[in-house]
Amino acid sequence: MSNLNKTDDVIFNFFKQICDEKDDEKCVKLGNDWIKAMENNLDNMEAQLEQADKIKHKKDINNNRDHLNSLKNKSSTEWREYATQCMIEIMENKRA
């Protein structure tokens, strides 16, 4: 199994956990934990880029940060909907 497939499985399972969580506060906490993890990943990737690559990828990095910011303050219902959509996209990409 490729690392990409393993990563997709981990992400899928995390989103499934958000969908399955019955406690609304815990669901929101899981979603917020997702945001923090992705922000940390972006920070780490950006820190490892050479200056020329930072400039080259600045728009993509900013788009990812904007996307993460748009997820902040979501309700549990919104998190479950978002997680469901992400799981669907992962499954569709596996078939492609």
C-alpha atoms as a PDB file:
ATOM      1  CA  MET A   1       0.000   0.000   0.000  1.00  0.00           C
ATOM      2  CA  SER A   2       1.401   3.393  -0.899  1.00  0.00           C
ATOM      3  CA  ASN A   3       1.987   6.103   1.677  1.00  0.00           C
ATOM      4  CA  LEU A   4      -0.682   8.213  -0.018  1.00  0.00           C
ATOM      5  CA  ASN A   5      -3.250   5.452   0.488  1.00  0.00           C
ATOM      6  CA  LYS A   6      -2.220   5.091   4.135  1.00  0.00           C
ATOM      7  CA  THR A   7      -2.516   8.840   4.618  1.00  0.00           C
ATOM      8  CA  ASP A   8      -5.937   8.844   2.954  1.00  0.00           C
ATOM      9  CA  ASP A   9      -7.032   6.034   5.284  1.00  0.00           C
ATOM     10  CA  VAL A  10      -5.871   7.967   8.363  1.00  0.00           C
ATOM     11  CA  ILE A  11      -7.661  11.097   7.174  1.00  0.00           C
ATOM     12  CA  PHE A  12     -10.792   9.119   6.291  1.00  0.00           C
ATOM     13  CA  ASN A  13     -10.831   7.512   9.744  1.00  0.00           C
ATOM     14  CA  PHE A  14     -10.373  10.870  11.439  1.00  0.00           C
ATOM     15  CA  PHE A  15     -13.309  12.338   9.528  1.00  0.00           C
ATOM     16  CA  LYS A  16     -15.349   9.228  10.313  1.00  0.00           C
ATOM     17  CA  GLN A  17     -14.623   9.838  13.978  1.00  0.00           C
ATOM     18  CA  ILE A  18     -16.008  13.380  13.611  1.00  0.00           C
ATOM     19  CA  CYS A  19     -19.146  12.025  11.920  1.00  0.00           C
ATOM     20  CA  ASP A  20     -19.652   9.274  14.503  1.00  0.00           C
ATOM     21  CA  GLU A  21     -19.137  11.471  17.569  1.00  0.00           C
ATOM     22  CA  LYS A  22     -22.484  11.824  19.340  1.00  0.00           C
ATOM     23  CA  ASP A  23     -21.352  14.518  21.781  1.00  0.00           C
ATOM     24  CA  ASP A  24     -21.547  17.857  19.961  1.00  0.00           C
ATOM     25  CA  GLU A  25     -18.778  19.470  22.040  1.00  0.00           C
ATOM     26  CA  LYS A  26     -16.409  16.574  21.360  1.00  0.00           C
ATOM     27  CA  CYS A  27     -17.279  16.720  17.668  1.00  0.00           C
ATOM     28  CA  VAL A  28     -16.366  20.417  17.509  1.00  0.00           C
ATOM     29  CA  LYS A  29     -13.177  19.739  19.491  1.00  0.00           C
ATOM     30  CA  LEU A  30     -12.165  17.064  16.975  1.00  0.00           C
ATOM     31  CA  GLY A  31     -12.779  19.528  14.155  1.00  0.00           C
ATOM     32  CA  ASN A  32     -10.747  22.217  15.875  1.00  0.00           C
ATOM     33  CA  ASP A  33      -7.975  19.689  16.517  1.00  0.00           C
ATOM     34  CA  TRP A  34      -7.998  18.997  12.770  1.00  0.00           C
ATOM     35  CA  ILE A  35      -7.517  22.698  12.050  1.00  0.00           C
ATOM     36  CA  LYS A  36      -4.598  22.936  14.485  1.00  0.00           C
ATOM     37  CA  ALA A  37      -2.916  19.863  13.013  1.00  0.00           C
ATOM     38  CA  MET A  38      -3.266  21.182   9.468  1.00  0.00           C
ATOM     39  CA  GLU A  39      -1.986  24.624  10.498  1.00  0.00           C
ATOM     40  CA  ASN A  40       1.042  22.942  12.088  1.00  0.00           C
ATOM     41  CA  ASN A  41       1.618  20.947   8.897  1.00  0.00           C
ATOM     42  CA  LEU A  42       1.485  24.130   6.817  1.00  0.00           C
ATOM     43  CA  ASP A  43       3.874  25.896   9.198  1.00  0.00           C
ATOM     44  CA  ASN A  44       6.329  22.976   9.048  1.00  0.00           C
ATOM     45  CA  MET A  45       6.172  22.710   5.266  1.00  0.00           C
ATOM     46  CA  GLU A  46       6.596  26.448   4.834  1.00  0.00           C
ATOM     47  CA  ALA A  47       9.553  26.509   7.230  1.00  0.00           C
ATOM     48  CA  GLN A  48      11.319  23.879   5.131  1.00  0.00           C
ATOM     49  CA  LEU A  49      10.886  25.737   1.854  1.00  0.00           C
ATOM     50  CA  GLU A  50      13.648  27.764   0.305  1.00  0.00           C
ATOM     51  CA  GLN A  51      12.770  31.447  -0.107  1.00  0.00           C
ATOM     52  CA  ALA A  52      12.202  31.066  -3.864  1.00  0.00           C
ATOM     53  CA  ASP A  53       9.796  28.180  -3.250  1.00  0.00           C
ATOM     54  CA  LYS A  54       7.980  30.159  -0.543  1.00  0.00           C
ATOM     55  CA  ILE A  55       7.335  32.866  -3.100  1.00  0.00           C
ATOM     56  CA  LYS A  56       6.360  30.329  -5.764  1.00  0.00           C
ATOM     57  CA  HIS A  57       3.862  28.562  -3.454  1.00  0.00           C
ATOM     58  CA  LYS A  58       2.658  31.585  -1.479  1.00  0.00           C
ATOM     59  CA  LYS A  59      -0.761  31.645  -3.156  1.00  0.00           C
ATOM     60  CA  ASP A  60      -1.365  27.928  -2.465  1.00  0.00           C
ATOM     61  CA  ILE A  61      -0.221  28.304   1.134  1.00  0.00           C
ATOM     62  CA  ASN A  62      -2.483  31.314   1.629  1.00  0.00           C
ATOM     63  CA  ASN A  63      -5.408  29.473   0.022  1.00  0.00           C
ATOM     64  CA  ASN A  64      -4.895  26.581   2.432  1.00  0.00           C
ATOM     65  CA  ARG A  65      -4.738  28.970   5.401  1.00  0.00           C
ATOM     66  CA  ASP A  66      -7.907  30.711   4.198  1.00  0.00           C
ATOM     67  CA  HIS A  67      -9.640  27.345   3.908  1.00  0.00           C
ATOM     68  CA  LEU A  68      -8.621  26.410   7.444  1.00  0.00           C
ATOM     69  CA  ASN A  69      -9.789  29.791   8.727  1.00  0.00           C
ATOM     70  CA  SER A  70     -13.161  29.209   7.064  1.00  0.00           C
ATOM     71  CA  LEU A  71     -13.554  26.040   9.149  1.00  0.00           C
ATOM     72  CA  LYS A  72     -13.141  27.834  12.455  1.00  0.00           C
ATOM     73  CA  ASN A  73     -16.298  28.306  14.550  1.00  0.00           C
ATOM     74  CA  LYS A  74     -18.244  25.597  12.720  1.00  0.00           C
ATOM     75  CA  SER A  75     -21.023  23.895  14.648  1.00  0.00           C
ATOM     76  CA  SER A  76     -21.064  20.138  15.196  1.00  0.00           C
ATOM     77  CA  THR A  77     -23.623  19.793  12.400  1.00  0.00           C
ATOM     78  CA  GLU A  78     -21.401  21.758  10.033  1.00  0.00           C
ATOM     79  CA  TRP A  79     -18.376  19.671  11.030  1.00  0.00           C
ATOM     80  CA  ARG A  80     -20.258  16.445  10.382  1.00  0.00           C
ATOM     81  CA  GLU A  81     -21.359  17.716   6.966  1.00  0.00           C
ATOM     82  CA  TYR A  82     -17.814  18.805   6.105  1.00  0.00           C
ATOM     83  CA  ALA A  83     -16.343  15.518   7.308  1.00  0.00           C
ATOM     84  CA  THR A  84     -18.901  13.536   5.305  1.00  0.00           C
ATOM     85  CA  GLN A  85     -18.058  15.486   2.146  1.00  0.00           C
ATOM     86  CA  CYS A  86     -14.334  14.895   2.714  1.00  0.00           C
ATOM     87  CA  MET A  87     -14.916  11.166   3.179  1.00  0.00           C
ATOM     88  CA  ILE A  88     -16.890  11.056  -0.072  1.00  0.00           C
ATOM     89  CA  GLU A  89     -14.071  12.829  -1.910  1.00  0.00           C
ATOM     90  CA  ILE A  90     -11.495  10.412  -0.510  1.00  0.00           C
ATOM     91  CA  MET A  91     -13.574   7.429  -1.670  1.00  0.00           C
ATOM     92  CA  GLU A  92     -14.100   8.942  -5.122  1.00  0.00           C
ATOM     93  CA  ASN A  93     -10.364   9.589  -5.496  1.00  0.00           C
ATOM     94  CA  LYS A  94      -9.577   5.980  -4.565  1.00  0.00           C
ATOM     95  CA  ARG A  95     -11.789   4.786  -7.414  1.00  0.00           C
ATOM     96  CA  ALA A  96     -10.146   7.094  -9.932  1.00  0.00           C
END
